Amino acid sequence: MPAYATKQRVKNAVYFGAGTLGRLRRPTSESLRVLLYHKVNGAIGNPGSVPPSLFAEHMNVIEAEGYRPVSLDDVLAHLRRGAALPPRATLITFDDGYRDNLVGAAPVLSKHGFPAVLFASVGSIGSQVPFPHDERLAVPNPTLDWAELREIERLGVRVESHGVSHVPLASLDDASAEREVVESKRVLEDHLGRPVRAYAYVKGGAGDYARHHGAMLQRAGYEAAFTTVTGSNRGGSDPFALRRYNVEPYPARTLSLVLRGACDVMALKDTAAGTSVRRAFNSVLRTTSR
């Protein structure tokens, strides 16, 4: 069995086990859940990708269990003015800007009438150069071009910023980090003809951004920023450090546990110690990506 498949099986088992132990936890309807997807295709040998059929199952779970997908405008109104969100509010997001988001995900979202947000890396729009984490793959993962980004917006998926070069802000000096946030916003606004209001940190773990990056984003005119730290967001959450649940090809029953907060203990993996454990695990399986 390929190493990436072994890794995914282990992760699925860990999430389901953690969720089963935490399943008696009472769901908090006032929390904002933010789901994070990346690739949505069924290609063999494509780690982390959610096949379109499984993505459709995930959306069925959201609808059947009474979760309420909300738009980015709804979330920003809540953060800025305290506007109420519906019970079980859920924001669906995608990072990077893969073409399969248009082909494999957008039609399913449109069928359900679910809004979503796509955070695109400006430097990779229409590029034939793979992202660093895809370089070792034999499977192509093309990105959306500008015409396709406008098309996905017409289908209800709003495009926002994921920087320019797909590098963590914490790995850059402050001048370079500021160029990432300012230039990506400018380019997107020039092409889309509207304000860009939200940013998703690349990698997005606790060590990939710092508090002063939130202030930097605010000065540049952003209103919110999203991490990859596990958990939901309750009243008083920092709008420039919003948490998300990273969704991989989990069975629908596991997504159900994630949505109710039963897997929130997995936030331990986002700590400094947890990051070290994950890196050691990847090193053993040789599944480390750049």
Protein backbone atom coordinates (compact mmCIF):
# COMPACT_ATOMS: atom_id res chain seq x y z
CA MET A 1 0.00 0.00 0.00
CA PRO A 2 1.42 3.45 -0.88
CA ALA A 3 2.66 5.50 2.06
CA TYR A 4 0.11 8.28 1.48
CA ALA A 5 -2.73 5.74 1.62
CA THR A 6 -1.40 4.31 4.88
CA LYS A 7 -1.16 7.81 6.28
CA GLN A 8 -4.73 8.61 5.29
CA ARG A 9 -6.06 5.41 6.86
CA VAL A 10 -4.27 6.20 10.11
CA LYS A 11 -5.62 9.75 10.11
CA ASN A 12 -9.16 8.57 9.40
CA ALA A 13 -8.94 6.08 12.26
CA VAL A 14 -7.54 8.67 14.67
CA TYR A 15 -10.24 11.21 13.82
CA PHE A 16 -13.03 8.66 14.10
CA GLY A 17 -11.63 7.35 17.38
CA ALA A 18 -11.30 10.83 18.86
CA GLY A 19 -14.75 11.76 17.62
CA THR A 20 -16.31 8.60 19.04
CA LEU A 21 -14.84 9.37 22.47
CA GLY A 22 -16.09 12.95 22.23
CA ARG A 23 -19.45 12.23 20.65
CA LEU A 24 -21.39 12.89 23.86
CA ARG A 25 -20.20 16.46 23.79
CA ARG A 26 -23.18 18.73 23.30
CA PRO A 27 -23.05 20.58 19.95
CA THR A 28 -22.88 24.36 20.37
CA SER A 29 -25.32 25.96 17.96
CA GLU A 30 -23.87 29.43 18.53
CA SER A 31 -20.46 28.43 17.15
CA LEU A 32 -19.32 29.21 13.63
CA ARG A 33 -17.83 26.13 12.00
CA VAL A 34 -15.49 26.68 9.06
CA LEU A 35 -14.65 23.70 6.85
CA LEU A 36 -11.47 23.69 4.76
CA TYR A 37 -11.12 21.64 1.57
CA HIS A 38 -8.27 21.64 -0.92
CA LYS A 39 -8.50 19.26 -3.90
CA VAL A 40 -11.82 17.71 -4.95
CA ASN A 41 -11.04 14.95 -7.43
CA GLY A 42 -10.87 11.17 -7.46
CA ALA A 43 -7.47 10.72 -9.11
CA ILE A 44 -5.43 7.81 -7.76
CA GLY A 45 -2.23 8.86 -6.03
CA ASN A 46 -3.48 12.31 -5.03
CA PRO A 47 -3.05 12.62 -1.24
CA GLY A 48 -5.68 14.58 0.65
CA SER A 49 -8.04 14.93 -2.30
CA VAL A 50 -11.74 14.41 -1.61
CA PRO A 51 -13.42 12.55 -4.51
CA PRO A 52 -16.48 14.41 -5.88
CA SER A 53 -18.79 11.55 -4.82
CA LEU A 54 -17.53 11.81 -1.23
CA PHE A 55 -17.76 15.61 -1.34
CA ALA A 56 -21.41 15.16 -2.33
CA GLU A 57 -21.88 12.88 0.70
CA HIS A 58 -20.34 15.55 2.92
CA MET A 59 -22.76 18.17 1.62
CA ASN A 60 -25.64 15.75 2.21
CA VAL A 61 -24.51 15.39 5.84
CA ILE A 62 -24.49 19.17 6.26
CA GLU A 63 -28.02 19.45 4.91
CA ALA A 64 -29.47 16.38 6.63
CA GLU A 65 -28.11 17.30 10.06
CA GLY A 66 -29.40 20.86 9.98
CA TYR A 67 -26.19 22.81 9.52
CA ARG A 68 -26.66 26.18 7.85
CA PRO A 69 -24.03 27.18 5.27
CA VAL A 70 -23.47 30.94 5.40
CA SER A 71 -21.69 33.38 3.10
CA LEU A 72 -18.54 35.33 3.78
CA ASP A 73 -20.64 38.51 3.91
CA ASP A 74 -22.73 36.91 6.69
CA VAL A 75 -19.57 36.08 8.63
CA LEU A 76 -18.05 39.53 8.20
CA ALA A 77 -21.30 41.21 9.28
CA HIS A 78 -21.25 39.01 12.38
CA LEU A 79 -17.64 39.89 13.16
CA ARG A 80 -17.91 43.61 12.50
CA ARG A 81 -21.42 44.47 13.66
CA GLY A 82 -22.51 41.53 15.76
CA ALA A 83 -25.14 40.50 13.21
CA ALA A 84 -26.71 37.20 14.20
CA LEU A 85 -25.72 33.98 12.48
CA PRO A 86 -28.20 31.12 12.20
CA PRO A 87 -27.92 28.14 14.55
CA ARG A 88 -25.23 25.67 13.38
CA ALA A 89 -23.74 28.25 11.02
CA THR A 90 -21.12 26.71 8.72
CA LEU A 91 -18.75 28.37 6.27
CA ILE A 92 -17.36 26.15 3.49
CA THR A 93 -13.91 27.14 2.22
CA PHE A 94 -11.26 25.94 -0.26
CA ASP A 95 -7.56 26.80 -0.29
CA ASP A 96 -5.08 27.19 -3.15
CA GLY A 97 -7.33 27.50 -6.24
CA TYR A 98 -7.46 24.09 -7.90
CA ARG A 99 -9.42 23.71 -11.13
CA ASP A 100 -11.20 20.67 -9.69
CA ASN A 101 -12.98 23.00 -7.27
CA LEU A 102 -14.89 24.31 -10.28
CA VAL A 103 -15.46 20.89 -11.83
CA GLY A 104 -15.94 18.64 -8.81
CA ALA A 105 -17.22 20.89 -6.03
CA ALA A 106 -19.05 23.92 -7.44
CA PRO A 107 -21.85 21.92 -9.13
CA VAL A 108 -22.57 20.08 -5.86
CA LEU A 109 -22.62 23.33 -3.90
CA SER A 110 -24.91 24.89 -6.51
CA LYS A 111 -27.29 21.94 -6.29
CA HIS A 112 -27.66 22.47 -2.55
CA GLY A 113 -27.65 26.26 -2.79
CA PHE A 114 -24.61 26.45 -0.50
CA PRO A 115 -22.33 29.51 -0.67
CA ALA A 116 -18.57 29.01 -0.26
CA VAL A 117 -15.22 30.82 -0.36
CA LEU A 118 -12.12 29.97 -2.38
CA PHE A 119 -8.78 31.40 -1.23
CA ALA A 120 -6.54 31.63 -4.31
CA SER A 121 -2.76 32.03 -4.43
CA VAL A 122 -2.34 34.81 -6.99
CA GLY A 123 1.04 33.63 -8.28
CA SER A 124 -0.40 30.23 -9.20
CA ILE A 125 -3.51 31.38 -11.07
CA GLY A 126 -3.43 29.71 -14.48
CA SER A 127 0.06 28.37 -13.77
CA GLN A 128 1.40 25.01 -14.96
CA VAL A 129 3.87 24.90 -12.06
CA PRO A 130 2.61 22.65 -9.23
CA PHE A 131 2.39 23.83 -5.65
CA PRO A 132 5.38 22.73 -3.53
CA HIS A 133 3.27 20.09 -1.78
CA ASP A 134 2.28 18.60 -5.17
CA GLU A 135 5.74 18.54 -6.78
CA ARG A 136 6.43 14.87 -6.05
CA LEU A 137 3.09 13.66 -7.40
CA ALA A 138 2.65 11.99 -10.77
CA VAL A 139 -0.92 13.29 -10.82
CA PRO A 140 -1.48 16.76 -12.37
CA ASN A 141 -3.36 19.27 -10.23
CA PRO A 142 -4.00 22.29 -12.48
CA THR A 143 -5.11 25.60 -11.04
CA LEU A 144 -7.93 27.86 -12.10
CA ASP A 145 -7.23 30.66 -14.56
CA TRP A 146 -8.86 34.08 -14.37
CA ALA A 147 -11.82 33.18 -16.59
CA GLU A 148 -12.47 30.09 -14.46
CA LEU A 149 -12.25 32.11 -11.26
CA ARG A 150 -14.93 34.43 -12.58
CA GLU A 151 -17.00 31.38 -13.54
CA ILE A 152 -16.73 29.82 -10.09
CA GLU A 153 -17.86 33.13 -8.60
CA ARG A 154 -20.93 33.03 -10.83
CA LEU A 155 -21.70 29.65 -9.28
CA GLY A 156 -21.65 31.13 -5.78
CA VAL A 157 -18.06 30.53 -4.67
CA ARG A 158 -16.46 33.83 -3.64
CA VAL A 159 -12.75 34.28 -4.41
CA GLU A 160 -10.49 35.77 -1.72
CA SER A 161 -6.76 35.92 -1.02
CA HIS A 162 -4.24 33.19 -0.16
CA GLY A 163 -1.21 35.39 -0.78
CA VAL A 164 1.01 35.53 -3.84
CA SER A 165 3.73 32.91 -3.52
CA HIS A 166 2.11 30.23 -1.33
CA VAL A 167 4.59 30.71 1.51
CA PRO A 168 3.82 31.10 5.24
CA LEU A 169 4.03 34.70 6.37
CA ALA A 170 6.13 33.64 9.37
CA SER A 171 8.86 32.44 7.00
CA LEU A 172 9.26 35.93 5.55
CA ASP A 173 10.65 39.21 6.83
CA ASP A 174 7.98 41.81 7.52
CA ALA A 175 8.51 43.72 4.27
CA SER A 176 8.10 40.57 2.19
CA ALA A 177 5.09 39.46 4.23
CA GLU A 178 3.45 42.83 3.67
CA ARG A 179 4.01 42.52 -0.08
CA GLU A 180 2.25 39.13 0.01
CA VAL A 181 -0.88 40.52 1.64
CA VAL A 182 -1.00 43.86 -0.20
CA GLU A 183 -0.09 42.65 -3.70
CA SER A 184 -2.42 39.65 -3.65
CA LYS A 185 -5.31 41.89 -2.64
CA ARG A 186 -4.52 44.43 -5.35
CA VAL A 187 -4.23 41.85 -8.14
CA LEU A 188 -7.44 40.07 -7.18
CA GLU A 189 -9.36 43.34 -6.94
CA ASP A 190 -8.05 44.48 -10.33
CA HIS A 191 -9.25 41.27 -11.99
CA LEU A 192 -12.48 40.71 -10.07
CA GLY A 193 -13.60 44.33 -9.89
CA ARG A 194 -14.63 44.29 -6.24
CA PRO A 195 -13.08 44.55 -2.76
CA VAL A 196 -11.21 41.54 -1.39
CA ARG A 197 -11.96 41.27 2.31
CA ALA A 198 -10.52 38.00 3.66
CA TYR A 199 -7.20 36.17 3.76
CA ALA A 200 -6.25 32.55 4.47
CA TYR A 201 -2.80 31.99 5.96
CA VAL A 202 -0.64 29.57 3.96
CA LYS A 203 -0.15 26.37 5.99
CA GLY A 204 -2.04 28.24 8.71
CA GLY A 205 -0.72 26.46 11.81
CA ALA A 206 0.29 28.26 14.98
CA GLY A 207 3.88 28.60 13.76
CA ASP A 208 2.98 29.85 10.28
CA TYR A 209 1.73 33.31 11.24
CA ALA A 210 2.07 35.70 14.18
CA ARG A 211 -0.22 38.18 15.90
CA HIS A 212 1.39 41.14 14.13
CA HIS A 213 0.43 39.60 10.77
CA GLY A 214 -3.21 40.12 11.74
CA ALA A 215 -2.50 43.80 12.31
CA MET A 216 -0.69 43.88 8.97
CA LEU A 217 -3.72 42.42 7.22
CA GLN A 218 -6.03 44.89 8.93
CA ARG A 219 -3.90 47.83 7.77
CA ALA A 220 -4.05 46.47 4.22
CA GLY A 221 -7.86 46.57 4.33
CA TYR A 222 -8.77 42.96 5.12
CA GLU A 223 -11.56 42.27 7.59
CA ALA A 224 -10.80 38.65 8.55
CA ALA A 225 -8.16 35.95 8.25
CA PHE A 226 -8.42 32.18 8.53
CA THR A 227 -5.97 29.70 10.06
CA THR A 228 -5.85 25.90 9.89
CA VAL A 229 -5.99 25.53 13.67
CA THR A 230 -8.67 22.98 14.54
CA GLY A 231 -11.85 24.16 16.21
CA SER A 232 -14.97 26.29 15.91
CA ASN A 233 -15.32 30.03 16.50
CA ARG A 234 -17.47 31.47 19.25
CA GLY A 235 -18.31 35.00 20.32
CA GLY A 236 -15.19 37.07 20.86
CA SER A 237 -13.00 35.09 18.46
CA ASP A 238 -10.14 37.08 16.95
CA PRO A 239 -11.32 37.91 13.39
CA PHE A 240 -7.72 37.58 12.18
CA ALA A 241 -7.20 34.13 13.69
CA LEU A 242 -10.36 32.25 12.80
CA ARG A 243 -10.19 28.48 13.19
CA ARG A 244 -11.06 25.91 10.55
CA TYR A 245 -11.57 22.17 10.32
CA ASN A 246 -9.26 20.73 7.66
CA VAL A 247 -11.36 18.19 5.75
CA GLU A 248 -9.67 15.28 4.02
CA PRO A 249 -11.28 12.18 2.47
CA TYR A 250 -13.02 11.30 5.72
CA PRO A 251 -16.08 9.03 5.67
CA ALA A 252 -19.34 10.94 6.07
CA ARG A 253 -19.75 9.60 9.64
CA THR A 254 -16.43 11.21 10.60
CA LEU A 255 -17.42 14.56 9.10
CA SER A 256 -20.58 14.38 11.23
CA LEU A 257 -18.42 14.03 14.34
CA VAL A 258 -16.17 16.91 13.22
CA LEU A 259 -19.16 19.21 12.72
CA ARG A 260 -20.56 18.57 16.18
CA GLY A 261 -17.18 19.41 17.76
CA ALA A 262 -16.49 15.85 18.89
CA CYS A 263 -13.03 15.91 17.27
CA ASP A 264 -11.89 19.25 18.73
CA VAL A 265 -9.29 17.46 20.83
CA MET A 266 -7.37 17.13 17.55
CA ALA A 267 -6.35 20.78 18.06
CA LEU A 268 -3.44 19.23 19.98
CA LYS A 269 -1.84 18.49 16.59
CA ASP A 270 -1.68 22.24 15.93
CA THR A 271 0.47 22.98 18.99
CA ALA A 272 4.27 23.14 18.82
CA ALA A 273 4.52 19.65 20.33
CA GLY A 274 1.84 18.32 18.01
CA THR A 275 3.63 19.76 14.99
CA SER A 276 6.81 17.90 16.02
CA VAL A 277 4.90 14.64 16.29
CA ARG A 278 3.31 15.14 12.87
CA ARG A 279 6.68 15.86 11.29
CA ALA A 280 8.16 12.72 12.84
CA PHE A 281 5.19 10.68 11.60
CA ASN A 282 5.61 12.06 8.07
CA SER A 283 9.33 11.39 8.19
CA VAL A 284 8.76 7.73 9.06
CA LEU A 285 6.26 7.31 6.22
CA ARG A 286 8.29 9.55 3.87
CA THR A 287 5.20 11.61 3.14
CA THR A 288 6.73 14.97 4.03
CA SER A 289 6.00 17.72 1.51
CA ARG A 290 7.63 21.12 1.14
